[in-house]
C-alpha atoms as a PDB file:
ATOM      1  CA  MET A   1      92.294 103.319  77.742  1.00  0.00           C
ATOM      2  CA  VAL A   2      95.756 101.309  76.854  1.00  0.00           C
ATOM      3  CA  ARG A   3      95.355  98.248  77.361  1.00  0.00           C
ATOM      4  CA  LEU A   4      97.316  95.639  79.925  1.00  0.00           C
ATOM      5  CA  PHE A   5      99.499  92.517  78.913  1.00  0.00           C
ATOM      6  CA  CYS A   6     100.267  89.687  81.531  1.00  0.00           C
ATOM      7  CA  THR A   7     103.763  89.893  80.127  1.00  0.00           C
ATOM      8  CA  ASP A   8     103.740  93.255  80.962  1.00  0.00           C
ATOM      9  CA  LEU A   9     102.512  93.152  84.313  1.00  0.00           C
ATOM     10  CA  ALA A  10     105.239  90.603  85.189  1.00  0.00           C
ATOM     11  CA  ILE A  11     107.902  92.226  84.506  1.00  0.00           C
ATOM     12  CA  ALA A  12     106.807  95.590  86.222  1.00  0.00           C
ATOM     13  CA  LYS A  13     106.260  93.295  89.202  1.00  0.00           C
ATOM     14  CA  GLY A  14     109.765  91.756  88.640  1.00  0.00           C
ATOM     15  CA  GLU A  15     108.768  87.805  88.601  1.00  0.00           C
ATOM     16  CA  PRO A  16     111.113  85.998  88.008  1.00  0.00           C
ATOM     17  CA  GLN A  17     110.739  82.798  85.557  1.00  0.00           C
ATOM     18  CA  GLU A  18     113.722  81.344  86.982  1.00  0.00           C
ATOM     19  CA  GLY A  19     112.513  78.077  88.086  1.00  0.00           C
ATOM     20  CA  LEU A  20     110.048  77.023  86.157  1.00  0.00           C
ATOM     21  CA  GLY A  21     111.380  74.775  83.562  1.00  0.00           C
ATOM     22  CA  ALA A  22     109.622  71.841  84.413  1.00  0.00           C
ATOM     23  CA  LEU A  23     107.727  70.034  81.494  1.00  0.00           C
ATOM     24  CA  ALA A  24     106.064  67.269  80.189  1.00  0.00           C
ATOM     25  CA  GLU A  25     108.001  63.933  79.601  1.00  0.00           C
ATOM     26  CA  ARG A  26     106.574  63.326  76.454  1.00  0.00           C
ATOM     27  CA  HIS A  27     105.612  65.363  73.587  1.00  0.00           C
ATOM     28  CA  LEU A  28     103.440  64.501  70.803  1.00  0.00           C
ATOM     29  CA  PHE A  29     102.474  67.537  67.953  1.00  0.00           C
ATOM     30  CA  ILE A  30     100.471  67.287  65.186  1.00  0.00           C
ATOM     31  CA  ARG A  31     101.127  69.836  62.376  1.00  0.00           C
ATOM     32  CA  TRP A  32      98.072  71.446  61.379  1.00  0.00           C
ATOM     33  CA  PRO A  33      97.659  74.730  59.577  1.00  0.00           C
ATOM     34  CA  LYS A  34      97.500  77.924  62.177  1.00  0.00           C
ATOM     35  CA  GLY A  35      94.947  79.251  60.620  1.00  0.00           C
ATOM     36  CA  LYS A  36      92.703  76.495  61.635  1.00  0.00           C
ATOM     37  CA  TRP A  37      93.798  76.207  65.641  1.00  0.00           C
ATOM     38  CA  ARG A  38      91.192  76.709  67.882  1.00  0.00           C
ATOM     39  CA  ARG A  39      90.896  76.985  72.009  1.00  0.00           C
ATOM     40  CA  PRO A  40      91.162  74.599  73.186  1.00  0.00           C
ATOM     41  CA  ARG A  41      93.523  72.821  70.387  1.00  0.00           C
ATOM     42  CA  TYR A  42      91.951  69.514  70.367  1.00  0.00           C
ATOM     43  CA  MET A  43      88.856  71.427  68.718  1.00  0.00           C
ATOM     44  CA  ALA A  44      91.128  72.446  65.533  1.00  0.00           C
ATOM     45  CA  ALA A  45      89.145  73.164  62.518  1.00  0.00           C
ATOM     46  CA  ASP A  46      88.545  70.507  59.509  1.00  0.00           C
ATOM     47  CA  MET A  47      89.977  67.894  61.969  1.00  0.00           C
ATOM     48  CA  SER A  48      87.944  64.835  62.091  1.00  0.00           C
ATOM     49  CA  GLU A  49      86.098  63.815  65.774  1.00  0.00           C
ATOM     50  CA  ALA A  50      88.290  60.605  65.761  1.00  0.00           C
ATOM     51  CA  LEU A  51      91.290  62.893  65.881  1.00  0.00           C
ATOM     52  CA  GLN A  52      89.945  65.369  68.152  1.00  0.00           C
ATOM     53  CA  GLY A  53      89.593  62.815  70.462  1.00  0.00           C
ATOM     54  CA  ALA A  54      92.318  60.974  70.522  1.00  0.00           C
ATOM     55  CA  MET A  55      94.280  64.287  71.174  1.00  0.00           C
ATOM     56  CA  LYS A  56      91.999  64.916  74.202  1.00  0.00           C
ATOM     57  CA  ALA A  57      92.543  61.167  75.269  1.00  0.00           C
ATOM     58  CA  SER A  58      96.284  61.257  75.033  1.00  0.00           C
ATOM     59  CA  MET A  59      96.665  64.133  76.747  1.00  0.00           C
ATOM     60  CA  GLY A  60      98.057  64.225  80.664  1.00  0.00           C
ATOM     61  CA  HIS A  61     100.103  61.938  83.208  1.00  0.00           C
ATOM     62  CA  GLY A  62     103.087  63.315  81.887  1.00  0.00           C
ATOM     63  CA  ARG A  63     102.096  63.868  78.133  1.00  0.00           C
ATOM     64  CA  TYR A  64     101.439  67.157  75.785  1.00  0.00           C
ATOM     65  CA  VAL A  65      99.891  66.839  72.229  1.00  0.00           C
ATOM     66  CA  GLY A  66      99.939  69.907  70.864  1.00  0.00           C
ATOM     67  CA  LEU A  67      99.782  71.586  67.415  1.00  0.00           C
ATOM     68  CA  VAL A  68     102.522  72.704  65.260  1.00  0.00           C
ATOM     69  CA  ASP A  69     103.277  74.583  62.045  1.00  0.00           C
ATOM     70  CA  SER A  70     105.658  76.578  59.661  1.00  0.00           C
ATOM     71  CA  GLY A  71     103.872  77.347  56.983  1.00  0.00           C
ATOM     72  CA  SER A  72     105.473  75.123  54.854  1.00  0.00           C
ATOM     73  CA  GLY A  73     105.690  71.133  54.848  1.00  0.00           C
ATOM     74  CA  SER A  74     103.323  68.457  54.834  1.00  0.00           C
ATOM     75  CA  GLU A  75     100.439  69.664  56.066  1.00  0.00           C
ATOM     76  CA  LEU A  76      99.509  66.360  58.595  1.00  0.00           C
ATOM     77  CA  GLU A  77     102.665  65.155  59.922  1.00  0.00           C
ATOM     78  CA  LEU A  78     103.441  63.368  63.373  1.00  0.00           C
ATOM     79  CA  LEU A  79     106.240  64.659  65.349  1.00  0.00           C
ATOM     80  CA  SER A  80     106.807  63.062  68.836  1.00  0.00           C
ATOM     81  CA  PHE A  81     109.774  64.126  71.363  1.00  0.00           C
ATOM     82  CA  PRO A  82     111.711  63.415  73.664  1.00  0.00           C
ATOM     83  CA  ASP A  83     112.928  60.518  70.690  1.00  0.00           C
ATOM     84  CA  GLY A  84     112.919  62.945  67.964  1.00  0.00           C
ATOM     85  CA  ARG A  85     110.407  60.427  65.474  1.00  0.00           C
ATOM     86  CA  ARG A  86     108.299  62.202  62.869  1.00  0.00           C
ATOM     87  CA  HIS A  87     105.860  60.465  60.590  1.00  0.00           C
ATOM     88  CA  VAL A  88     103.123  61.464  57.762  1.00  0.00           C
ATOM     89  CA  PRO A  89     100.378  59.401  57.997  1.00  0.00           C
ATOM     90  CA  ALA A  90      98.143  58.654  55.133  1.00  0.00           C
ATOM     91  CA  ASP A  91      95.217  59.824  56.664  1.00  0.00           C
ATOM     92  CA  GLN A  92      93.551  61.881  60.038  1.00  0.00           C
ATOM     93  CA  ALA A  93      91.603  57.986  60.757  1.00  0.00           C
ATOM     94  CA  GLU A  94      95.926  56.719  60.604  1.00  0.00           C
ATOM     95  CA  ALA A  95      96.905  59.603  62.684  1.00  0.00           C
ATOM     96  CA  ALA A  96      94.397  59.091  65.224  1.00  0.00           C
ATOM     97  CA  ALA A  97      95.071  55.367  65.780  1.00  0.00           C
ATOM     98  CA  LEU A  98      98.921  56.881  65.943  1.00  0.00           C
ATOM     99  CA  VAL A  99      97.864  59.184  68.534  1.00  0.00           C
ATOM    100  CA  ILE A 100      95.959  56.898  70.265  1.00  0.00           C
ATOM    101  CA  ALA A 101      99.076  54.362  70.472  1.00  0.00           C
ATOM    102  CA  TRP A 102     101.506  56.826  71.580  1.00  0.00           C
ATOM    103  CA  GLY A 103      99.249  57.804  74.608  1.00  0.00           C
ATOM    104  CA  ALA A 104      99.073  54.065  75.272  1.00  0.00           C
ATOM    105  CA  GLY A 105     103.041  54.787  75.359  1.00  0.00           C
ATOM    106  CA  GLN A 106     104.253  53.045  71.961  1.00  0.00           C
ATOM    107  CA  ALA A 107     107.185  54.761  69.754  1.00  0.00           C
ATOM    108  CA  LEU A 108     106.219  56.750  66.985  1.00  0.00           C
ATOM    109  CA  PRO A 109     106.687  54.896  63.383  1.00  0.00           C
ATOM    110  CA  GLY A 110     108.721  56.811  61.481  1.00  0.00           C
ATOM    111  CA  GLU A 111     112.148  58.402  61.093  1.00  0.00           C
ATOM    112  CA  VAL A 112     114.582  59.384  63.714  1.00  0.00           C
ATOM    113  CA  PHE A 113     115.952  63.284  63.125  1.00  0.00           C
ATOM    114  CA  ALA A 114     119.099  64.248  65.122  1.00  0.00           C
ATOM    115  CA  ARG A 115     118.294  68.220  64.233  1.00  0.00           C
ATOM    116  CA  GLN A 116     116.925  70.366  67.789  1.00  0.00           C
ATOM    117  CA  VAL A 117     114.114  71.688  67.450  1.00  0.00           C
ATOM    118  CA  ILE A 118     113.151  75.058  68.205  1.00  0.00           C
ATOM    119  CA  LEU A 119     109.076  75.622  69.359  1.00  0.00           C
ATOM    120  CA  CYS A 120     107.740  78.900  69.906  1.00  0.00           C
ATOM    121  CA  CYS A 121     104.085  79.625  71.162  1.00  0.00           C
ATOM    122  CA  THR A 122     102.218  81.583  69.026  1.00  0.00           C
ATOM    123  CA  ASP A 123      98.751  80.793  69.595  1.00  0.00           C
ATOM    124  CA  ALA A 124      97.000  84.019  70.144  1.00  0.00           C
ATOM    125  CA  LYS A 125      93.719  81.743  70.815  1.00  0.00           C
ATOM    126  CA  THR A 126      95.079  80.996  74.334  1.00  0.00           C
ATOM    127  CA  ASP A 127      96.468  84.404  74.873  1.00  0.00           C
ATOM    128  CA  ALA A 128      96.987  87.627  73.399  1.00  0.00           C
ATOM    129  CA  CYS A 129     100.744  88.112  74.745  1.00  0.00           C
ATOM    130  CA  CYS A 130     101.622  84.715  72.542  1.00  0.00           C
ATOM    131  CA  ALA A 131     101.187  86.700  69.663  1.00  0.00           C
ATOM    132  CA  ARG A 132     101.724  89.797  70.895  1.00  0.00           C
ATOM    133  CA  TYR A 133     105.526  88.543  71.698  1.00  0.00           C
ATOM    134  CA  GLY A 134     105.414  84.780  70.085  1.00  0.00           C
ATOM    135  CA  PHE A 135     105.510  85.889  66.954  1.00  0.00           C
ATOM    136  CA  PRO A 136     107.876  88.220  66.362  1.00  0.00           C
ATOM    137  CA  VAL A 137     110.637  85.974  67.992  1.00  0.00           C
ATOM    138  CA  TYR A 138     109.099  83.248  65.930  1.00  0.00           C
ATOM    139  CA  LYS A 139     109.758  84.988  62.640  1.00  0.00           C
ATOM    140  CA  ALA A 140     113.348  86.403  64.067  1.00  0.00           C
ATOM    141  CA  LEU A 141     114.431  82.626  64.365  1.00  0.00           C
ATOM    142  CA  ALA A 142     112.917  81.234  61.061  1.00  0.00           C
ATOM    143  CA  ALA A 143     114.889  84.002  58.943  1.00  0.00           C
ATOM    144  CA  SER A 144     118.108  83.320  61.251  1.00  0.00           C
ATOM    145  CA  THR A 145     118.996  79.710  60.962  1.00  0.00           C
ATOM    146  CA  ASP A 146     118.188  76.469  58.484  1.00  0.00           C
ATOM    147  CA  ALA A 147     120.555  74.779  61.147  1.00  0.00           C
ATOM    148  CA  PHE A 148     117.452  74.320  63.478  1.00  0.00           C
ATOM    149  CA  ASP A 149     113.736  73.031  62.732  1.00  0.00           C
ATOM    150  CA  VAL A 150     111.776  76.206  63.698  1.00  0.00           C
ATOM    151  CA  LEU A 151     108.152  75.864  64.204  1.00  0.00           C
ATOM    152  CA  GLN A 152     104.854  78.058  65.692  1.00  0.00           C
ATOM    153  CA  CYS A 153     103.063  75.812  68.479  1.00  0.00           C
ATOM    154  CA  THR A 154      99.840  76.224  70.257  1.00  0.00           C
ATOM    155  CA  HIS A 155      99.803  77.164  74.032  1.00  0.00           C
ATOM    156  CA  ILE A 156     102.472  75.134  76.147  1.00  0.00           C
ATOM    157  CA  GLY A 157     102.200  77.077  79.175  1.00  0.00           C
ATOM    158  CA  GLY A 158     103.958  80.234  80.728  1.00  0.00           C
ATOM    159  CA  CYS A 159     101.669  82.881  79.231  1.00  0.00           C
ATOM    160  CA  HIS A 160     102.923  85.886  81.431  1.00  0.00           C
ATOM    161  CA  PHE A 161     106.628  84.619  80.444  1.00  0.00           C
ATOM    162  CA  ALA A 162     105.953  85.249  77.184  1.00  0.00           C
ATOM    163  CA  PRO A 163     107.160  83.841  74.179  1.00  0.00           C
ATOM    164  CA  SER A 164     107.316  80.750  75.829  1.00  0.00           C
ATOM    165  CA  VAL A 165     110.215  78.726  73.718  1.00  0.00           C
ATOM    166  CA  ILE A 166     111.301  75.316  74.089  1.00  0.00           C
ATOM    167  CA  VAL A 167     114.162  73.149  72.707  1.00  0.00           C
ATOM    168  CA  MET A 168     113.815  69.323  72.003  1.00  0.00           C
ATOM    169  CA  PRO A 169     114.990  67.021  72.442  1.00  0.00           C
ATOM    170  CA  ASN A 170     116.193  68.105  75.500  1.00  0.00           C
ATOM    171  CA  ARG A 171     113.204  69.632  76.484  1.00  0.00           C
ATOM    172  CA  ASP A 172     114.724  72.984  77.558  1.00  0.00           C
ATOM    173  CA  ARG A 173     112.212  75.661  78.384  1.00  0.00           C
ATOM    174  CA  TYR A 174     112.793  79.466  77.870  1.00  0.00           C
ATOM    175  CA  GLY A 175     110.918  82.789  77.990  1.00  0.00           C
ATOM    176  CA  ARG A 176     110.875  86.551  77.851  1.00  0.00           C
ATOM    177  CA  LEU A 177     113.008  86.425  74.158  1.00  0.00           C
ATOM    178  CA  THR A 178     113.035  89.116  72.309  1.00  0.00           C
ATOM    179  CA  PRO A 179     114.320  89.188  68.518  1.00  0.00           C
ATOM    180  CA  ALA A 180     117.435  91.350  69.426  1.00  0.00           C
ATOM    181  CA  ASP A 181     118.582  88.188  71.531  1.00  0.00           C
ATOM    182  CA  VAL A 182     117.665  85.660  68.592  1.00  0.00           C
ATOM    183  CA  PRO A 183     121.909  85.607  67.209  1.00  0.00           C
ATOM    184  CA  ALA A 184     122.852  84.892  70.949  1.00  0.00           C
ATOM    185  CA  PHE A 185     120.220  82.450  71.536  1.00  0.00           C
ATOM    186  CA  LEU A 186     121.560  80.404  68.564  1.00  0.00           C
ATOM    187  CA  ASP A 187     124.962  80.912  69.201  1.00  0.00           C
ATOM    188  CA  ALA A 188     124.531  79.306  72.294  1.00  0.00           C
ATOM    189  CA  LEU A 189     122.186  76.636  71.184  1.00  0.00           C
ATOM    190  CA  SER A 190     124.600  75.760  68.954  1.00  0.00           C
ATOM    191  CA  ARG A 191     127.306  75.460  71.348  1.00  0.00           C
ATOM    192  CA  ARG A 192     124.963  73.203  73.360  1.00  0.00           C
ATOM    193  CA  GLN A 193     124.702  75.613  75.935  1.00  0.00           C
ATOM    194  CA  TYR A 194     122.041  76.952  78.025  1.00  0.00           C
ATOM    195  CA  PHE A 195     121.042  80.654  76.839  1.00  0.00           C
ATOM    196  CA  LEU A 196     121.103  81.697  80.333  1.00  0.00           C
ATOM    197  CA  PRO A 197     119.096  85.397  80.521  1.00  0.00           C
ATOM    198  CA  ALA A 198     115.787  83.400  79.233  1.00  0.00           C
ATOM    199  CA  PHE A 199     116.301  79.816  80.477  1.00  0.00           C
ATOM    200  CA  LYS A 200     114.009  78.815  82.833  1.00  0.00           C
ATOM    201  CA  GLY A 201     115.490  75.925  84.213  1.00  0.00           C
ATOM    202  CA  ARG A 202     117.040  72.387  83.656  1.00  0.00           C
ATOM    203  CA  ASN A 203     114.446  69.360  83.622  1.00  0.00           C
ATOM    204  CA  GLY A 204     114.775  67.027  86.753  1.00  0.00           C
ATOM    205  CA  LEU A 205     115.279  69.304  89.410  1.00  0.00           C
ATOM    206  CA  ASP A 206     112.901  70.919  91.536  1.00  0.00           C
ATOM    207  CA  GLU A 207     112.095  75.131  91.256  1.00  0.00           C
ATOM    208  CA  ALA A 208     114.508  75.950  94.204  1.00  0.00           C
ATOM    209  CA  ARG A 209     117.498  74.106  92.615  1.00  0.00           C
ATOM    210  CA  GLN A 210     116.614  75.166  89.115  1.00  0.00           C
ATOM    211  CA  THR A 211     116.833  78.782  90.387  1.00  0.00           C
ATOM    212  CA  ALA A 212     120.006  78.001  92.327  1.00  0.00           C
ATOM    213  CA  GLU A 213     121.954  76.139  89.103  1.00  0.00           C
ATOM    214  CA  ILE A 214     120.731  79.535  86.877  1.00  0.00           C
ATOM    215  CA  ALA A 215     122.636  81.898  89.480  1.00  0.00           C
ATOM    216  CA  ALA A 216     125.461  79.544  89.751  1.00  0.00           C
ATOM    217  CA  MET A 217     126.100  79.178  86.017  1.00  0.00           C
ATOM    218  CA  ARG A 218     125.693  82.546  85.585  1.00  0.00           C
ATOM    219  CA  TRP A 219     128.648  83.033  88.228  1.00  0.00           C
ATOM    220  CA  ALA A 220     130.598  80.315  86.445  1.00  0.00           C
ATOM    221  CA  GLU A 221     130.648  81.911  82.884  1.00  0.00           C
ATOM    222  CA  GLY A 222     131.301  85.626  84.180  1.00  0.00           C
ATOM    223  CA  HIS A 223     134.464  84.192  85.884  1.00  0.00           C
ATOM    224  CA  GLY A 224     135.283  82.172  82.716  1.00  0.00           C
ATOM    225  CA  TYR A 225     134.191  78.832  83.534  1.00  0.00           C
ATOM    226  CA  ALA A 226     132.145  76.589  81.562  1.00  0.00           C
ATOM    227  CA  GLN A 227     128.759  75.867  82.408  1.00  0.00           C
ATOM    228  CA  ALA A 228     129.292  72.102  82.830  1.00  0.00           C
ATOM    229  CA  ALA A 229     131.778  72.880  85.663  1.00  0.00           C
ATOM    230  CA  VAL A 230     128.879  73.848  87.722  1.00  0.00           C
ATOM    231  CA  GLN A 231     128.209  70.878  89.887  1.00  0.00           C
ATOM    232  CA  LEU A 232     125.362  70.597  92.382  1.00  0.00           C
ATOM    233  CA  ASP A 233     126.493  69.471  95.903  1.00  0.00           C
ATOM    234  CA  GLU A 234     124.067  69.570  98.726  1.00  0.00           C
ATOM    235  CA  THR A 235     121.089  71.909  99.526  1.00  0.00           C
ATOM    236  CA  ALA A 236     120.429  73.516 103.293  1.00  0.00           C
ATOM    237  CA  ASP A 237     117.110  74.462 104.628  1.00  0.00           C
ATOM    238  CA  ILE A 238     117.751  77.113 106.579  1.00  0.00           C
ATOM    239  CA  SER A 239     113.732  78.057 107.205  1.00  0.00           C
ATOM    240  CA  ALA A 240     110.657  78.015 105.713  1.00  0.00           C
ATOM    241  CA  ASP A 241     111.381  81.079 103.836  1.00  0.00           C
ATOM    242  CA  ASP A 242     115.297  80.578 103.301  1.00  0.00           C
ATOM    243  CA  MET A 243     117.719  77.919 101.161  1.00  0.00           C
ATOM    244  CA  ASP A 244     121.399  77.511 100.695  1.00  0.00           C
ATOM    245  CA  VAL A 245     122.133  75.441  97.979  1.00  0.00           C
ATOM    246  CA  ARG A 246     125.645  74.589  97.153  1.00  0.00           C
ATOM    247  CA  PHE A 247     127.998  73.556  94.312  1.00  0.00           C
ATOM    248  CA  SER A 248     131.318  72.959  92.950  1.00  0.00           C
ATOM    249  CA  VAL A 249     132.566  74.819  90.134  1.00  0.00           C
ATOM    250  CA  ALA A 250     136.022  73.730  89.210  1.00  0.00           C
ATOM    251  CA  GLY A 251     136.971  72.822  92.585  1.00  0.00           C
ATOM    252  CA  ILE A 252     135.455  76.243  93.959  1.00  0.00           C
ATOM    253  CA  ALA A 253     132.845  75.818  97.070  1.00  0.00           C
ATOM    254  CA  LEU A 254     129.798  78.457  95.216  1.00  0.00           C
ATOM    255  CA  SER A 255     126.540  79.097  97.912  1.00  0.00           C
ATOM    256  CA  VAL A 256     123.401  80.003  96.369  1.00  0.00           C
ATOM    257  CA  ALA A 257     121.610  81.632  98.686  1.00  0.00           C
ATOM    258  CA  LEU A 258     117.568  81.852  98.245  1.00  0.00           C
ATOM    259  CA  THR A 259     114.712  83.233  99.585  1.00  0.00           C
ATOM    260  CA  ARG A 260     110.750  82.566  99.023  1.00  0.00           C
ATOM    261  CA  THR A 261     109.044  85.590  98.024  1.00  0.00           C
ATOM    262  CA  GLN A 262     105.186  86.611  97.510  1.00  0.00           C
ATOM    263  CA  PHE A 263     104.017  87.644  93.953  1.00  0.00           C
ATOM    264  CA  ASP A 264     100.605  88.551  92.671  1.00  0.00           C
ATOM    265  CA  VAL A 265     100.446  86.477  89.537  1.00  0.00           C
ATOM    266  CA  GLN A 266      98.130  86.982  86.735  1.00  0.00           C
ATOM    267  CA  GLY A 267      98.869  83.680  84.749  1.00  0.00           C
ATOM    268  CA  ASN A 268      97.126  85.450  81.180  1.00  0.00           C
ATOM    269  CA  CYS A 269      95.636  88.249  80.215  1.00  0.00           C
ATOM    270  CA  ARG A 270      92.283  87.138  81.241  1.00  0.00           C
ATOM    271  CA  ASP A 271      93.278  87.019  84.671  1.00  0.00           C
ATOM    272  CA  ILE A 272      93.879  90.461  83.968  1.00  0.00           C
ATOM    273  CA  GLU A 273      90.598  91.586  82.329  1.00  0.00           C
ATOM    274  CA  ALA A 274      88.463  89.656  85.441  1.00  0.00           C
ATOM    275  CA  GLU A 275      90.642  91.776  88.033  1.00  0.00           C
ATOM    276  CA  ALA A 276      91.977  87.888  89.172  1.00  0.00           C
ATOM    277  CA  PHE A 277      95.224  87.353  90.741  1.00  0.00           C
ATOM    278  CA  LYS A 278      96.863  84.278  92.491  1.00  0.00           C
ATOM    279  CA  PRO A 279      99.687  84.595  95.452  1.00  0.00           C
ATOM    280  CA  VAL A 280     102.265  82.908  94.796  1.00  0.00           C
ATOM    281  CA  GLY A 281     105.416  81.683  96.749  1.00  0.00           C
ATOM    282  CA  ARG A 282     108.518  82.040  94.541  1.00  0.00           C
ATOM    283  CA  TRP A 283     112.438  81.240  95.528  1.00  0.00           C
ATOM    284  CA  THR A 284     114.651  84.271  94.413  1.00  0.00           C
ATOM    285  CA  VAL A 285     118.508  84.606  94.761  1.00  0.00           C
ATOM    286  CA  SER A 286     119.643  86.694  97.106  1.00  0.00           C
ATOM    287  CA  ALA A 287     122.975  85.915  97.328  1.00  0.00           C
ATOM    288  CA  VAL A 288     125.925  84.163  95.652  1.00  0.00           C
ATOM    289  CA  PHE A 289     129.335  83.772  97.338  1.00  0.00           C
ATOM    290  CA  ALA A 290     132.293  81.590  96.883  1.00  0.00           C
ATOM    291  CA  SER A 291     134.698  80.280  99.616  1.00  0.00           C
END
C-alpha cells in the first residue's frame, strides 16, 4: 500500500496556504541535539525536570518555546525573537530560570545579533511530512548560504504545508518550499523581499488581507513594480462568502476579489491514519483587476 502524506493531500485538494502567516509574538528556542527531541518537545531526552517545566510553563499567550539544532555550536544555548538575543547559560538550572523570566516578559540577557535566522521544521516526532519535506530543504539551505543562520527546529505548525519555515526576526512564515526553490528564496531574503511563491502572509493582517496582499504583490511584480509599492486601502464585505480588498500600487487602483471556499482539512499525517478531517473555510482569490 502506498502511504499517504498530509502535505500531498493538501496539494491535491488545492488547499491554499496564503493567509496563514499568523505567528506567536515572541519566540524562545533552546539549542538541543535533534537526536534527543521528543514529543511533546518539552520532554526532550536528558533535559532536567526544571528546564522541562520551565518550557511548559512559558508556552502560550502569544509565546512559543521550542528546540533548535544545527549540528554545531553550543549544545545549550537560548535564542529569543523578535529581539534577536542569544545567551549561553552555565547549566540547565540557569537556563530554566531564564526561560521562566522570559515567559514573564523579561528580555533574554546576552548579545544582540543582526543576522536573519531561517528556521526549518524537521520534527519527525510530530509529523512525518516535516522530516520528509523539511529535512531536504534544511540541508539545501544550510549548504547554500553563510549569510544567514540556518537552524532546524521542532514543530511550528502547518504540518500539511511542509516544510514549515520561519524567517526571523520579522516572523515571516513560509511553506511548501522545495530544494529547487532555495536559490530564489535566499535571493529574495537577501534583498529584504518576500519569496511570494511560498509566502503565507504578513503578520498584523488577518487571513483575508494576507491572502489579498500576496495576490496584489504578485500582480505588482508581474507589472514591474516593487512589493513595497503595494499599499492596503480598504476592504468591502460583499457577502458572507465574498470580499473585495483594495490596494494602490504606484497610483494604480487594484482590487482583489476573495471567495470563501470550503476544504476538508487533514492537518497532519495522524489525521489521515484516523480517517479524520475538519471542514475549514478559507479565503481564495477569484479575481485581480486594476482600474
